[in-house]
Amino acid sequence: MRHAMDHRKLSRSPSHRKAMLRNLMNSLVSAERIETTVARAKELRRLADRLITLGKKESTHARRMVFSMLCDKKNTEKLFAGLAGRFKERAGGYTRIVRTGYRGGDGAEMAFIEYLPVEEKMAGAKKGKKKKTAAKGKSAKTPTAKKETAPKAKKKESGEKKPARRAPVRKGKSGSKTDA
C-alpha cells in the first residue's frame, strides 16, 4: 500500500533529486518540450503545473516562490511574461506527457513532456463542434446522411464459408506429435 507516499524517489538522495528536478524544470520552461524518462516526467509534471499556477497570480510573493523553485531569473521572467499568460482561462493540466518508446542503453521508457499549445487553437476546435451540432437538424442531405445511404462494399455471400482453422499441433513430453 502506498499510504502517505508523497513523491517518487527516483533512486536518488534528496539533494540530488531536488537538483535534478530543478534542472528539468528550467529546461522545460526554456524549451517548452523535453525528453526524459516516464517516471521523471510524471514527477516533473506536478512541479511544472505548480509553476504555471504561481505564474498566473502575478504577485511579488508568487515571483519569489517561482524563483526559489527555478533559481534562474531568465526563466522566471519567461514564465511570468508569456508562458503563464497562455493558460489564463485554463483551470489546470498545463502539461502533456507523450510516450516515445524505450531507450537503447538500459531499456528505460522514454517520453516527451511539454506545455500545451496556445488556447486559441483549442477555442477554434470548440467552435467547430458547435457548427456540427447545429448542422444536424437542418435537412436529410447532411454528409452523415449520405454516408448512411451510400452502398457499402460487397460482403461475401452468405453461402460461402470461411476455411476451417486447423487445430494447433501439440507435442507431448516425449516430443512426438499427438492428435488433439
N, C-alpha and C. Protein backbone atom coordinates (compact mmCIF):
# COMPACT_ATOMS: atom_id res chain seq x y z
N MET A 1 0.84 -1.18 0.00
CA MET A 1 0.00 0.00 0.00
C MET A 1 0.88 1.24 0.00
N ARG A 2 0.43 2.27 -0.68
CA ARG A 2 1.22 3.49 -0.81
C ARG A 2 0.65 4.62 0.03
N HIS A 3 0.20 4.33 1.23
CA HIS A 3 -0.36 5.39 2.07
C HIS A 3 0.72 6.40 2.43
N ALA A 4 0.39 7.67 2.35
CA ALA A 4 1.27 8.78 2.74
C ALA A 4 2.58 8.81 1.96
N MET A 5 2.59 8.28 0.74
CA MET A 5 3.77 8.37 -0.12
C MET A 5 3.58 9.60 -1.00
N ASP A 6 4.39 10.61 -0.79
CA ASP A 6 4.16 11.89 -1.45
C ASP A 6 4.74 11.97 -2.85
N HIS A 7 5.89 11.39 -3.09
CA HIS A 7 6.56 11.57 -4.38
C HIS A 7 7.41 10.36 -4.72
N ARG A 8 7.90 10.33 -5.95
CA ARG A 8 8.80 9.28 -6.40
C ARG A 8 10.21 9.63 -5.95
N LYS A 9 10.95 8.65 -5.50
CA LYS A 9 12.31 8.92 -5.02
C LYS A 9 13.32 8.90 -6.15
N LEU A 10 13.02 8.21 -7.24
CA LEU A 10 13.86 8.18 -8.44
C LEU A 10 15.28 7.69 -8.16
N SER A 11 15.45 6.87 -7.15
CA SER A 11 16.75 6.27 -6.78
C SER A 11 17.83 7.31 -6.57
N ARG A 12 17.49 8.41 -5.91
CA ARG A 12 18.45 9.47 -5.65
C ARG A 12 18.29 9.98 -4.22
N SER A 13 19.36 10.57 -3.72
CA SER A 13 19.28 11.21 -2.41
C SER A 13 18.40 12.46 -2.54
N PRO A 14 17.88 12.97 -1.44
CA PRO A 14 17.00 14.14 -1.53
C PRO A 14 17.64 15.36 -2.20
N SER A 15 18.90 15.62 -1.90
CA SER A 15 19.54 16.79 -2.50
C SER A 15 19.77 16.59 -4.00
N HIS A 16 20.13 15.36 -4.40
CA HIS A 16 20.34 15.08 -5.83
C HIS A 16 19.02 15.13 -6.58
N ARG A 17 17.96 14.61 -5.96
CA ARG A 17 16.64 14.62 -6.60
C ARG A 17 16.14 16.05 -6.79
N LYS A 18 16.34 16.89 -5.77
CA LYS A 18 15.91 18.28 -5.85
C LYS A 18 16.66 19.02 -6.95
N ALA A 19 17.96 18.79 -7.05
CA ALA A 19 18.76 19.45 -8.08
C ALA A 19 18.37 18.96 -9.47
N MET A 20 18.12 17.66 -9.62
CA MET A 20 17.74 17.10 -10.91
C MET A 20 16.39 17.66 -11.36
N LEU A 21 15.42 17.72 -10.45
CA LEU A 21 14.11 18.25 -10.80
C LEU A 21 14.17 19.74 -11.11
N ARG A 22 15.03 20.48 -10.40
CA ARG A 22 15.20 21.90 -10.70
C ARG A 22 15.76 22.08 -12.11
N ASN A 23 16.75 21.26 -12.48
CA ASN A 23 17.31 21.34 -13.83
C ASN A 23 16.27 20.97 -14.89
N LEU A 24 15.46 19.95 -14.61
CA LEU A 24 14.40 19.57 -15.55
C LEU A 24 13.37 20.69 -15.70
N MET A 25 13.01 21.35 -14.58
CA MET A 25 12.04 22.46 -14.64
C MET A 25 12.60 23.60 -15.47
N ASN A 26 13.87 23.94 -15.26
CA ASN A 26 14.48 25.01 -16.04
C ASN A 26 14.51 24.67 -17.52
N SER A 27 14.84 23.43 -17.84
CA SER A 27 14.88 23.02 -19.24
C SER A 27 13.48 23.07 -19.86
N LEU A 28 12.48 22.67 -19.10
CA LEU A 28 11.11 22.66 -19.61
C LEU A 28 10.60 24.08 -19.84
N VAL A 29 10.91 24.99 -18.93
CA VAL A 29 10.46 26.37 -19.09
C VAL A 29 11.15 27.02 -20.28
N SER A 30 12.45 26.77 -20.45
CA SER A 30 13.17 27.42 -21.55
C SER A 30 12.83 26.81 -22.90
N ALA A 31 12.72 25.47 -22.99
CA ALA A 31 12.48 24.81 -24.28
C ALA A 31 11.00 24.50 -24.51
N GLU A 32 10.20 24.45 -23.48
CA GLU A 32 8.77 24.11 -23.51
C GLU A 32 8.50 22.67 -23.93
N ARG A 33 9.53 21.89 -24.20
CA ARG A 33 9.37 20.47 -24.52
C ARG A 33 10.70 19.78 -24.31
N ILE A 34 10.72 18.73 -23.49
CA ILE A 34 11.95 17.98 -23.26
C ILE A 34 11.64 16.49 -23.30
N GLU A 35 12.67 15.69 -23.52
CA GLU A 35 12.53 14.24 -23.50
C GLU A 35 13.25 13.70 -22.28
N THR A 36 12.56 12.86 -21.52
CA THR A 36 13.12 12.27 -20.32
C THR A 36 12.43 10.94 -20.08
N THR A 37 12.74 10.28 -18.98
CA THR A 37 12.06 9.01 -18.69
C THR A 37 10.64 9.29 -18.21
N VAL A 38 9.80 8.29 -18.28
CA VAL A 38 8.40 8.46 -17.90
C VAL A 38 8.27 8.77 -16.41
N ALA A 39 9.06 8.12 -15.56
CA ALA A 39 8.97 8.36 -14.12
C ALA A 39 9.37 9.80 -13.80
N ARG A 40 10.43 10.30 -14.42
CA ARG A 40 10.85 11.68 -14.20
C ARG A 40 9.80 12.65 -14.74
N ALA A 41 9.21 12.33 -15.88
CA ALA A 41 8.20 13.21 -16.48
C ALA A 41 6.97 13.30 -15.58
N LYS A 42 6.56 12.20 -14.99
CA LYS A 42 5.39 12.21 -14.12
C LYS A 42 5.67 13.03 -12.85
N GLU A 43 6.88 12.95 -12.34
CA GLU A 43 7.23 13.73 -11.17
C GLU A 43 7.38 15.20 -11.53
N LEU A 44 7.93 15.47 -12.70
CA LEU A 44 8.13 16.85 -13.15
C LEU A 44 6.80 17.53 -13.44
N ARG A 45 5.81 16.77 -13.89
CA ARG A 45 4.51 17.34 -14.22
C ARG A 45 3.88 18.05 -13.02
N ARG A 46 4.03 17.46 -11.82
CA ARG A 46 3.49 18.08 -10.61
C ARG A 46 4.09 19.46 -10.40
N LEU A 47 5.41 19.55 -10.56
CA LEU A 47 6.10 20.81 -10.30
C LEU A 47 5.86 21.82 -11.42
N ALA A 48 5.82 21.35 -12.66
CA ALA A 48 5.63 22.25 -13.80
C ALA A 48 4.24 22.88 -13.77
N ASP A 49 3.24 22.11 -13.38
CA ASP A 49 1.89 22.67 -13.27
C ASP A 49 1.82 23.68 -12.12
N ARG A 50 2.55 23.41 -11.05
CA ARG A 50 2.58 24.34 -9.93
C ARG A 50 3.22 25.67 -10.33
N LEU A 51 4.25 25.60 -11.18
CA LEU A 51 4.89 26.83 -11.67
C LEU A 51 3.89 27.71 -12.43
N ILE A 52 3.10 27.09 -13.30
CA ILE A 52 2.13 27.86 -14.08
C ILE A 52 1.06 28.47 -13.17
N THR A 53 0.62 27.71 -12.18
CA THR A 53 -0.39 28.22 -11.25
C THR A 53 0.15 29.45 -10.51
N LEU A 54 1.40 29.40 -10.09
CA LEU A 54 2.01 30.56 -9.44
C LEU A 54 2.18 31.70 -10.43
N GLY A 55 2.54 31.38 -11.67
CA GLY A 55 2.74 32.40 -12.69
C GLY A 55 1.48 33.15 -13.03
N LYS A 56 0.33 32.52 -12.89
CA LYS A 56 -0.94 33.18 -13.20
C LYS A 56 -1.32 34.21 -12.15
N LYS A 57 -0.74 34.12 -10.95
CA LYS A 57 -1.08 35.05 -9.87
C LYS A 57 -0.43 36.42 -10.05
N GLU A 58 0.76 36.46 -10.63
CA GLU A 58 1.48 37.70 -10.92
C GLU A 58 1.63 38.61 -9.70
N SER A 59 1.98 38.06 -8.56
CA SER A 59 2.26 38.87 -7.37
C SER A 59 3.74 38.75 -7.03
N THR A 60 4.21 39.61 -6.18
CA THR A 60 5.62 39.56 -5.76
C THR A 60 5.91 38.26 -5.04
N HIS A 61 4.99 37.83 -4.21
CA HIS A 61 5.18 36.58 -3.50
C HIS A 61 5.27 35.39 -4.47
N ALA A 62 4.40 35.38 -5.48
CA ALA A 62 4.42 34.30 -6.47
C ALA A 62 5.75 34.30 -7.23
N ARG A 63 6.26 35.49 -7.59
CA ARG A 63 7.55 35.59 -8.28
C ARG A 63 8.67 35.01 -7.42
N ARG A 64 8.63 35.32 -6.14
CA ARG A 64 9.68 34.82 -5.25
C ARG A 64 9.58 33.30 -5.08
N MET A 65 8.38 32.79 -5.04
CA MET A 65 8.19 31.34 -4.93
C MET A 65 8.71 30.63 -6.19
N VAL A 66 8.39 31.19 -7.37
CA VAL A 66 8.87 30.59 -8.62
C VAL A 66 10.39 30.67 -8.69
N PHE A 67 10.95 31.80 -8.29
CA PHE A 67 12.41 31.93 -8.33
C PHE A 67 13.07 30.95 -7.36
N SER A 68 12.44 30.69 -6.22
CA SER A 68 13.01 29.72 -5.28
C SER A 68 12.98 28.30 -5.85
N MET A 69 12.01 28.03 -6.74
CA MET A 69 11.94 26.71 -7.36
C MET A 69 12.90 26.59 -8.54
N LEU A 70 13.05 27.67 -9.31
CA LEU A 70 13.87 27.62 -10.52
C LEU A 70 15.31 28.07 -10.32
N CYS A 71 15.52 29.08 -9.47
CA CYS A 71 16.85 29.68 -9.25
C CYS A 71 17.43 30.22 -10.55
N ASP A 72 16.59 30.78 -11.41
CA ASP A 72 17.05 31.32 -12.68
C ASP A 72 16.16 32.51 -13.04
N LYS A 73 16.76 33.71 -13.10
CA LYS A 73 16.00 34.93 -13.35
C LYS A 73 15.39 34.94 -14.75
N LYS A 74 16.16 34.47 -15.73
CA LYS A 74 15.68 34.48 -17.12
C LYS A 74 14.44 33.61 -17.29
N ASN A 75 14.48 32.41 -16.74
CA ASN A 75 13.32 31.51 -16.85
C ASN A 75 12.14 32.00 -16.03
N THR A 76 12.40 32.65 -14.90
CA THR A 76 11.32 33.22 -14.10
C THR A 76 10.61 34.31 -14.89
N GLU A 77 11.38 35.17 -15.55
CA GLU A 77 10.78 36.23 -16.37
C GLU A 77 9.99 35.64 -17.53
N LYS A 78 10.54 34.60 -18.17
CA LYS A 78 9.83 33.98 -19.30
C LYS A 78 8.50 33.38 -18.84
N LEU A 79 8.51 32.77 -17.66
CA LEU A 79 7.29 32.15 -17.13
C LEU A 79 6.21 33.20 -16.90
N PHE A 80 6.57 34.31 -16.28
CA PHE A 80 5.57 35.34 -15.97
C PHE A 80 5.20 36.16 -17.20
N ALA A 81 6.15 36.39 -18.10
CA ALA A 81 5.89 37.25 -19.26
C ALA A 81 5.00 36.57 -20.29
N GLY A 82 5.24 35.30 -20.60
CA GLY A 82 4.49 34.70 -21.69
C GLY A 82 3.86 33.36 -21.39
N LEU A 83 4.59 32.50 -20.72
CA LEU A 83 4.14 31.11 -20.57
C LEU A 83 2.87 31.01 -19.71
N ALA A 84 2.83 31.72 -18.59
CA ALA A 84 1.65 31.64 -17.72
C ALA A 84 0.44 32.34 -18.34
N GLY A 85 0.68 33.38 -19.16
CA GLY A 85 -0.42 34.08 -19.81
C GLY A 85 -1.16 33.21 -20.81
N ARG A 86 -0.50 32.20 -21.31
CA ARG A 86 -1.11 31.28 -22.28
C ARG A 86 -2.26 30.50 -21.66
N PHE A 87 -2.21 30.30 -20.34
CA PHE A 87 -3.18 29.43 -19.67
C PHE A 87 -4.12 30.20 -18.75
N LYS A 88 -4.41 31.47 -19.04
CA LYS A 88 -5.26 32.28 -18.17
C LYS A 88 -6.64 31.66 -17.96
N GLU A 89 -7.22 31.11 -19.00
CA GLU A 89 -8.57 30.56 -18.92
C GLU A 89 -8.60 29.10 -18.50
N ARG A 90 -7.46 28.46 -18.42
CA ARG A 90 -7.41 27.03 -18.13
C ARG A 90 -7.29 26.80 -16.62
N ALA A 91 -8.02 25.84 -16.08
CA ALA A 91 -8.05 25.60 -14.64
C ALA A 91 -6.92 24.70 -14.16
N GLY A 92 -6.34 23.93 -15.03
CA GLY A 92 -5.26 23.01 -14.62
C GLY A 92 -4.88 22.13 -15.77
N GLY A 93 -3.91 21.25 -15.56
CA GLY A 93 -3.48 20.34 -16.60
C GLY A 93 -2.77 21.06 -17.73
N TYR A 94 -1.68 21.72 -17.40
CA TYR A 94 -0.98 22.54 -18.38
C TYR A 94 0.06 21.77 -19.18
N THR A 95 0.36 20.55 -18.78
CA THR A 95 1.40 19.77 -19.45
C THR A 95 0.82 18.51 -20.07
N ARG A 96 1.59 17.93 -20.98
CA ARG A 96 1.21 16.70 -21.66
C ARG A 96 2.42 15.78 -21.66
N ILE A 97 2.20 14.50 -21.41
CA ILE A 97 3.27 13.50 -21.48
C ILE A 97 2.96 12.56 -22.63
N VAL A 98 3.91 12.46 -23.58
CA VAL A 98 3.74 11.60 -24.75
C VAL A 98 4.85 10.56 -24.72
N ARG A 99 4.47 9.32 -24.60
CA ARG A 99 5.47 8.24 -24.55
C ARG A 99 6.07 8.02 -25.92
N THR A 100 7.40 7.83 -25.96
CA THR A 100 8.09 7.73 -27.25
C THR A 100 8.73 6.38 -27.49
N GLY A 101 8.83 5.53 -26.52
CA GLY A 101 9.45 4.23 -26.73
C GLY A 101 10.42 3.93 -25.61
N TYR A 102 11.40 3.10 -25.91
CA TYR A 102 12.35 2.65 -24.90
C TYR A 102 13.76 3.08 -25.29
N ARG A 103 14.54 3.45 -24.28
CA ARG A 103 15.91 3.88 -24.51
C ARG A 103 16.77 2.67 -24.85
N GLY A 104 17.69 2.87 -25.77
CA GLY A 104 18.50 1.77 -26.25
C GLY A 104 19.44 1.18 -25.21
N GLY A 105 20.04 2.00 -24.37
CA GLY A 105 21.06 1.52 -23.44
C GLY A 105 20.53 0.62 -22.34
N ASP A 106 19.52 1.11 -21.60
CA ASP A 106 19.03 0.36 -20.46
C ASP A 106 17.56 -0.04 -20.57
N GLY A 107 16.91 0.33 -21.65
CA GLY A 107 15.52 -0.07 -21.86
C GLY A 107 14.53 0.75 -21.06
N ALA A 108 14.94 1.91 -20.53
CA ALA A 108 14.01 2.75 -19.78
C ALA A 108 12.97 3.34 -20.72
N GLU A 109 11.73 3.45 -20.26
CA GLU A 109 10.66 4.00 -21.08
C GLU A 109 10.81 5.52 -21.14
N MET A 110 10.86 6.05 -22.35
CA MET A 110 11.09 7.48 -22.56
C MET A 110 9.79 8.18 -22.94
N ALA A 111 9.76 9.51 -22.70
CA ALA A 111 8.58 10.29 -23.02
C ALA A 111 8.97 11.74 -23.21
N PHE A 112 8.15 12.46 -24.01
CA PHE A 112 8.25 13.90 -24.11
C PHE A 112 7.30 14.48 -23.08
N ILE A 113 7.74 15.52 -22.40
CA ILE A 113 6.83 16.31 -21.56
C ILE A 113 6.87 17.71 -22.13
N GLU A 114 5.68 18.28 -22.33
CA GLU A 114 5.60 19.59 -22.96
C GLU A 114 4.43 20.37 -22.41
N TYR A 115 4.57 21.70 -22.49
CA TYR A 115 3.43 22.56 -22.16
C TYR A 115 2.47 22.53 -23.33
N LEU A 116 1.18 22.59 -23.05
CA LEU A 116 0.16 22.55 -24.10
C LEU A 116 0.25 23.78 -24.99
N PRO A 117 -0.22 23.68 -26.23
CA PRO A 117 -0.16 24.82 -27.14
C PRO A 117 -1.11 25.94 -26.72
N VAL A 118 -1.09 27.02 -27.48
CA VAL A 118 -1.86 28.22 -27.18
C VAL A 118 -3.35 27.90 -27.14
N GLU A 119 -4.08 28.54 -26.25
CA GLU A 119 -5.51 28.29 -26.05
C GLU A 119 -6.35 28.66 -27.26
N GLU A 120 -5.89 29.57 -28.12
CA GLU A 120 -6.67 30.00 -29.29
C GLU A 120 -6.96 28.81 -30.20
N LYS A 121 -6.01 27.92 -30.33
CA LYS A 121 -6.23 26.73 -31.16
C LYS A 121 -7.32 25.85 -30.57
N MET A 122 -7.32 25.76 -29.26
CA MET A 122 -8.35 24.95 -28.60
C MET A 122 -9.73 25.59 -28.77
N ALA A 123 -9.80 26.91 -28.74
CA ALA A 123 -11.07 27.59 -28.91
C ALA A 123 -11.61 27.38 -30.32
N GLY A 124 -10.73 27.33 -31.32
CA GLY A 124 -11.14 27.08 -32.70
C GLY A 124 -11.74 25.69 -32.85
N ALA A 125 -11.20 24.72 -32.14
CA ALA A 125 -11.74 23.37 -32.21
C ALA A 125 -13.13 23.31 -31.57
N LYS A 126 -13.34 24.07 -30.50
CA LYS A 126 -14.65 24.07 -29.86
C LYS A 126 -15.70 24.70 -30.76
N LYS A 127 -15.33 25.74 -31.51
CA LYS A 127 -16.27 26.37 -32.43
C LYS A 127 -16.71 25.39 -33.51
N GLY A 128 -15.79 24.56 -33.97
CA GLY A 128 -16.11 23.58 -34.99
C GLY A 128 -17.14 22.58 -34.50
N LYS A 129 -17.07 22.21 -33.25
CA LYS A 129 -18.05 21.27 -32.69
C LYS A 129 -19.44 21.89 -32.67
N LYS A 130 -19.53 23.17 -32.38
CA LYS A 130 -20.83 23.83 -32.35
C LYS A 130 -21.47 23.84 -33.72
N LYS A 131 -20.67 24.03 -34.77
CA LYS A 131 -21.20 24.03 -36.12
C LYS A 131 -21.75 22.67 -36.49
N LYS A 132 -21.08 21.62 -36.08
CA LYS A 132 -21.54 20.28 -36.41
C LYS A 132 -22.88 19.99 -35.75
N THR A 133 -23.05 20.39 -34.50
CA THR A 133 -24.31 20.11 -33.81
C THR A 133 -25.45 20.93 -34.41
N ALA A 134 -25.16 22.14 -34.87
CA ALA A 134 -26.19 22.97 -35.48
C ALA A 134 -26.59 22.42 -36.84
N ALA A 135 -25.69 21.78 -37.56
CA ALA A 135 -25.96 21.27 -38.89
C ALA A 135 -26.79 19.98 -38.87
N LYS A 136 -26.85 19.31 -37.74
CA LYS A 136 -27.55 18.02 -37.69
C LYS A 136 -29.05 18.17 -37.96
N GLY A 137 -29.68 19.21 -37.46
CA GLY A 137 -31.12 19.33 -37.58
C GLY A 137 -31.59 20.00 -38.86
N LYS A 138 -30.72 20.41 -39.77
CA LYS A 138 -31.13 21.17 -40.96
C LYS A 138 -31.92 20.33 -41.96
N SER A 139 -31.32 19.31 -42.52
CA SER A 139 -32.02 18.51 -43.53
C SER A 139 -31.46 17.11 -43.56
N ALA A 140 -32.09 16.29 -44.39
CA ALA A 140 -31.64 14.91 -44.52
C ALA A 140 -30.46 14.79 -45.46
N LYS A 141 -30.07 15.88 -46.13
CA LYS A 141 -28.97 15.83 -47.09
C LYS A 141 -27.64 16.20 -46.44
N THR A 142 -27.49 15.98 -45.17
CA THR A 142 -26.23 16.25 -44.49
C THR A 142 -25.22 15.19 -44.90
N PRO A 143 -23.94 15.48 -44.77
CA PRO A 143 -22.92 14.49 -45.15
C PRO A 143 -23.07 13.17 -44.42
N THR A 144 -23.54 13.20 -43.17
CA THR A 144 -23.70 11.94 -42.45
C THR A 144 -24.83 11.11 -43.06
N ALA A 145 -25.88 11.77 -43.58
CA ALA A 145 -26.98 11.04 -44.19
C ALA A 145 -26.52 10.38 -45.49
N LYS A 146 -25.65 11.05 -46.23
CA LYS A 146 -25.14 10.47 -47.47
C LYS A 146 -24.33 9.21 -47.19
N LYS A 147 -23.59 9.23 -46.13
CA LYS A 147 -22.78 8.06 -45.80
C LYS A 147 -23.67 6.87 -45.47
N GLU A 148 -24.77 7.14 -44.81
CA GLU A 148 -25.67 6.04 -44.43
C GLU A 148 -26.35 5.44 -45.65
N THR A 149 -26.71 6.26 -46.66
CA THR A 149 -27.43 5.75 -47.82
C THR A 149 -26.49 5.21 -48.90
N ALA A 150 -25.22 5.52 -48.83
CA ALA A 150 -24.27 5.05 -49.85
C ALA A 150 -24.16 3.54 -49.77
N PRO A 151 -24.04 2.87 -50.94
CA PRO A 151 -23.91 1.42 -50.91
C PRO A 151 -22.59 1.01 -50.28
N LYS A 152 -22.67 -0.02 -49.48
CA LYS A 152 -21.47 -0.49 -48.79
C LYS A 152 -20.77 -1.52 -49.67
N ALA A 153 -19.52 -1.78 -49.33
CA ALA A 153 -18.72 -2.74 -50.08
C ALA A 153 -19.37 -4.12 -49.99
N LYS A 154 -19.23 -4.89 -51.07
CA LYS A 154 -19.85 -6.22 -51.10
C LYS A 154 -19.21 -7.12 -50.06
N LYS A 155 -20.07 -7.83 -49.36
CA LYS A 155 -19.58 -8.82 -48.41
C LYS A 155 -19.67 -10.17 -49.08
N LYS A 156 -19.04 -11.14 -48.46
CA LYS A 156 -19.09 -12.49 -49.02
C LYS A 156 -20.52 -13.00 -48.99
N GLU A 157 -20.85 -13.77 -49.93
CA GLU A 157 -22.19 -14.36 -49.98
C GLU A 157 -22.43 -15.15 -48.71
N SER A 158 -23.66 -15.20 -48.27
CA SER A 158 -23.98 -15.89 -47.03
C SER A 158 -23.72 -17.39 -47.14
N GLY A 159 -23.73 -17.94 -48.37
CA GLY A 159 -23.49 -19.37 -48.56
C GLY A 159 -22.02 -19.74 -48.42
N GLU A 160 -21.11 -18.77 -48.64
CA GLU A 160 -19.69 -19.08 -48.54
C GLU A 160 -19.29 -19.23 -47.09
N LYS A 161 -18.40 -20.18 -46.86
CA LYS A 161 -17.92 -20.39 -45.51
C LYS A 161 -16.44 -20.07 -45.46
N LYS A 162 -16.03 -19.67 -44.29
CA LYS A 162 -14.61 -19.43 -44.09
C LYS A 162 -13.91 -20.78 -44.02
N PRO A 163 -12.64 -20.83 -44.44
CA PRO A 163 -11.92 -22.10 -44.29
C PRO A 163 -11.76 -22.43 -42.81
N ALA A 164 -11.90 -23.70 -42.49
CA ALA A 164 -11.83 -24.13 -41.10
C ALA A 164 -10.41 -23.96 -40.59
N ARG A 165 -10.29 -23.53 -39.34
CA ARG A 165 -8.97 -23.40 -38.73
C ARG A 165 -8.47 -24.76 -38.32
N ARG A 166 -7.20 -24.95 -38.52
CA ARG A 166 -6.61 -26.22 -38.11
C ARG A 166 -6.26 -26.15 -36.64
N ALA A 167 -6.43 -27.26 -35.98
CA ALA A 167 -6.08 -27.33 -34.56
C ALA A 167 -4.57 -27.24 -34.44
N PRO A 168 -4.06 -26.57 -33.42
CA PRO A 168 -2.61 -26.47 -33.25
C PRO A 168 -2.00 -27.82 -32.95
N VAL A 169 -0.80 -28.03 -33.44
CA VAL A 169 -0.10 -29.29 -33.20
C VAL A 169 0.56 -29.19 -31.84
N ARG A 170 0.30 -30.15 -31.01
CA ARG A 170 0.86 -30.13 -29.66
C ARG A 170 1.84 -31.27 -29.51
N LYS A 171 2.87 -30.98 -28.79
CA LYS A 171 3.88 -32.01 -28.54
C LYS A 171 3.75 -32.50 -27.11
N GLY A 172 3.87 -33.77 -26.94
CA GLY A 172 3.82 -34.36 -25.61
C GLY A 172 5.20 -34.29 -24.94
N LYS A 173 5.36 -34.98 -23.83
CA LYS A 173 6.63 -34.97 -23.12
C LYS A 173 7.74 -35.62 -23.93
N SER A 174 7.40 -36.63 -24.69
CA SER A 174 8.41 -37.34 -25.45
C SER A 174 8.85 -36.58 -26.69
N GLY A 175 8.13 -35.50 -27.03
CA GLY A 175 8.50 -34.70 -28.20
C GLY A 175 7.78 -35.14 -29.45
N SER A 176 7.00 -36.22 -29.42
CA SER A 176 6.27 -36.66 -30.60
C SER A 176 4.98 -35.88 -30.72
N LYS A 177 4.48 -35.80 -31.95
CA LYS A 177 3.24 -35.09 -32.18
C LYS A 177 2.08 -35.95 -31.76
N THR A 178 1.11 -35.35 -31.10
CA THR A 178 -0.08 -36.08 -30.69
C THR A 178 -1.28 -35.42 -31.33
N ASP A 179 -2.31 -36.19 -31.56
CA ASP A 179 -3.54 -35.65 -32.12
C ASP A 179 -4.33 -34.95 -31.03
N ALA A 180 -4.83 -33.79 -31.36
CA ALA A 180 -5.60 -33.06 -30.36
C ALA A 180 -7.06 -33.03 -30.74
